[in-house]
Each structure stands twice: as structure tokens, then as C-alpha cells.
Amino acid sequence: MATRLDVTPDEGRDWLVFCQSLGLAREVSRGFERVRDDPDADDLRSAFEENVFGAREALDALGDEPTSADAVFEAFEPTVPNWERHRDPEGWESRWRDRVARLLDWAVLFDAAENRPDGYVAVEDAA
């Protein structure tokens, strides 16, 4: 699969774990398989907030006033596992800044945040 999609095996595994966290895939003895249920937008938002590492922390850094991705990272930074910092002392910060930016973009897609010209803001849960 990774070769067909032009991703590394680690990137492919990350995507599969992300899909699993959202309830879109499940791990089976031979790898992963697609879950055939069709979750609604509220299910996806809840799964994102509850199951994706760092999503809740990134959202907690948002409020009513626009916040930059860099400011969200600053609030999020204590959450970065120590083993990640030790694994790549020179590159962990850049990698995790990118991760926080992706989390914010996913939050926008799942209607948990809005991306305004001057930063991200929280969107209240409609439920």
C-alpha cells in the first residue's frame, strides 16, 4: 500500500492509526480494514477530540479570540512526550509544530475550530 500511495511505511501507519482513532478503520490479524459504518459529522468530531493524541490539548488552547498556530503550539508544547524530544533533539520541535498545525486544520474540518485570517478560534459543540 505505501508504495502505491507514495508514502513511507511510517506515514502509512500514521494514517491508518488516525483512521482507527476516528472509527473509520480497525486493526485485524492481517493489518487494517475499513469500517463500513457511515459516521456522521458529530461522531467524527467526538472521535477526533477524544481519540486523536493532542487534539483536545490543541482545542483547549483556543478561545473566542483568534490564536495563531504558533501560540497554540506554545500552549501544547508541555504535552509533547519526553521520548519524542530525546529521539530527535534537533528536529522534534519543528515536527510537533507541524503536527499542531495539522491538528488545527483537522479541527476546522470537523467544525471544532474556525480558521480566521488572524488565527484559530474555538467552535462550541452544538450537542
Protein backbone atom coordinates (compact mmCIF):
# COMPACT_ATOMS: atom_id res chain seq x y z
CA MET A 1 0.00 0.00 0.00
CA ALA A 2 2.70 2.51 0.96
CA THR A 3 4.37 2.19 -2.44
CA ARG A 4 1.09 2.72 -4.31
CA LEU A 5 0.34 5.85 -2.35
CA ASP A 6 3.87 7.27 -2.39
CA VAL A 7 4.15 7.43 1.39
CA THR A 8 6.69 5.89 3.72
CA PRO A 9 5.61 2.90 5.79
CA ASP A 10 5.65 5.13 8.90
CA GLU A 11 3.40 7.71 7.19
CA GLY A 12 1.05 4.95 6.05
CA ARG A 13 0.85 3.55 9.56
CA ASP A 14 0.18 7.07 10.93
CA TRP A 15 -2.75 7.47 8.52
CA LEU A 16 -4.14 4.07 9.44
CA VAL A 17 -3.91 4.81 13.16
CA PHE A 18 -5.57 8.19 12.55
CA CYS A 19 -8.41 6.47 10.68
CA GLN A 20 -8.65 3.93 13.50
CA SER A 21 -8.87 6.77 16.04
CA LEU A 22 -11.79 8.21 14.07
CA GLY A 23 -13.52 4.84 13.95
CA LEU A 24 -13.04 4.54 10.18
CA ALA A 25 -10.67 1.55 10.30
CA ARG A 26 -9.90 -1.29 12.67
CA GLU A 27 -6.84 -3.43 13.19
CA VAL A 28 -7.24 -7.11 12.35
CA SER A 29 -4.79 -10.01 12.27
CA ARG A 30 -3.64 -9.22 8.71
CA GLY A 31 -3.39 -5.44 9.14
CA PHE A 32 -6.21 -2.92 8.95
CA GLU A 33 -9.62 -2.99 7.37
CA ARG A 34 -12.15 -0.29 6.63
CA VAL A 35 -15.12 0.00 8.97
CA ARG A 36 -18.25 0.02 6.83
CA ASP A 37 -20.33 2.21 9.15
CA ASP A 38 -21.00 5.76 7.99
CA PRO A 39 -20.32 8.04 10.94
CA ASP A 40 -21.99 11.42 10.96
CA ALA A 41 -20.17 14.71 11.47
CA ASP A 42 -20.81 14.73 15.23
CA ASP A 43 -19.39 11.20 15.57
CA LEU A 44 -16.24 12.21 13.70
CA ARG A 45 -15.79 15.37 15.75
CA SER A 46 -16.21 13.46 19.02
CA ALA A 47 -13.82 10.72 17.93
CA PHE A 48 -11.26 13.32 16.86
CA GLU A 49 -11.45 15.19 20.17
CA GLU A 50 -11.45 12.05 22.32
CA ASN A 51 -9.10 9.69 20.47
CA VAL A 52 -6.53 11.65 18.47
CA PHE A 53 -3.44 12.42 20.55
CA GLY A 54 -3.13 16.15 21.11
CA ALA A 55 -6.47 17.16 19.61
CA ARG A 56 -8.08 18.02 22.93
CA GLU A 57 -4.98 19.94 24.10
CA ALA A 58 -4.82 21.94 20.87
CA LEU A 59 -8.52 22.78 21.13
CA ASP A 60 -8.14 23.72 24.79
CA ALA A 61 -5.63 26.39 23.74
CA LEU A 62 -8.32 28.10 21.66
CA GLY A 63 -10.92 30.56 22.83
CA ASP A 64 -13.07 33.35 21.41
CA GLU A 65 -10.08 35.45 20.36
CA PRO A 66 -8.08 34.32 17.31
CA THR A 67 -4.95 32.37 18.25
CA SER A 68 -2.05 31.64 15.91
CA ALA A 69 -0.86 28.09 15.33
CA ASP A 70 2.46 29.10 16.94
CA ALA A 71 0.66 30.28 20.10
CA VAL A 72 -1.31 27.03 20.19
CA PHE A 73 1.98 25.12 19.90
CA GLU A 74 3.42 27.11 22.83
CA ALA A 75 0.46 26.05 24.98
CA PHE A 76 0.63 22.49 23.63
CA GLU A 77 4.42 22.05 23.96
CA PRO A 78 4.41 20.56 27.51
CA THR A 79 2.25 17.73 26.12
CA VAL A 80 4.99 16.53 23.74
CA PRO A 81 6.27 13.23 25.15
CA ASN A 82 9.82 13.28 26.50
CA TRP A 83 10.78 10.28 24.40
CA GLU A 84 9.98 12.35 21.27
CA ARG A 85 12.29 15.11 22.46
CA HIS A 86 15.10 12.64 23.15
CA ARG A 87 14.59 10.70 19.94
CA ASP A 88 15.29 13.76 17.80
CA PRO A 89 16.69 16.62 19.92
CA GLU A 90 17.27 18.86 16.89
CA GLY A 91 14.05 18.21 14.97
CA TRP A 92 11.27 17.41 17.42
CA GLU A 93 10.05 20.99 17.75
CA SER A 94 9.60 21.51 14.01
CA ARG A 95 7.85 18.15 13.65
CA TRP A 96 5.47 18.89 16.53
CA ARG A 97 4.75 22.44 15.31
CA ASP A 98 3.68 20.83 12.02
CA ARG A 99 1.58 18.28 13.92
CA VAL A 100 -0.21 21.04 15.86
CA ALA A 101 -0.91 22.91 12.61
CA ARG A 102 -2.37 19.70 11.13
CA LEU A 103 -4.46 19.14 14.26
CA LEU A 104 -5.87 22.64 13.90
CA ASP A 105 -6.68 22.03 10.23
CA TRP A 106 -8.46 18.79 11.15
CA ALA A 107 -10.31 20.64 13.91
CA VAL A 108 -11.57 23.09 11.28
CA LEU A 109 -12.66 20.22 9.04
CA PHE A 110 -14.56 18.65 11.97
CA ASP A 111 -16.17 22.00 12.90
CA ALA A 112 -14.38 22.15 16.25
CA ALA A 113 -12.46 25.31 15.24
CA GLU A 114 -12.57 28.12 12.70
CA ASN A 115 -9.58 29.42 10.79
CA ARG A 116 -9.86 33.18 10.56
CA PRO A 117 -7.34 35.49 8.86
CA ASP A 118 -5.75 36.33 12.22
CA GLY A 119 -5.84 32.87 13.81
CA TYR A 120 -7.94 29.98 15.01
CA VAL A 121 -10.95 30.22 17.32
CA ALA A 122 -12.90 27.54 19.15
CA VAL A 123 -16.33 26.49 17.91
CA GLU A 124 -18.75 25.45 20.61
CA ASP A 125 -20.05 21.90 20.41
CA ALA A 126 -23.58 22.02 19.03
CA ALA A 127 -24.63 18.98 21.07
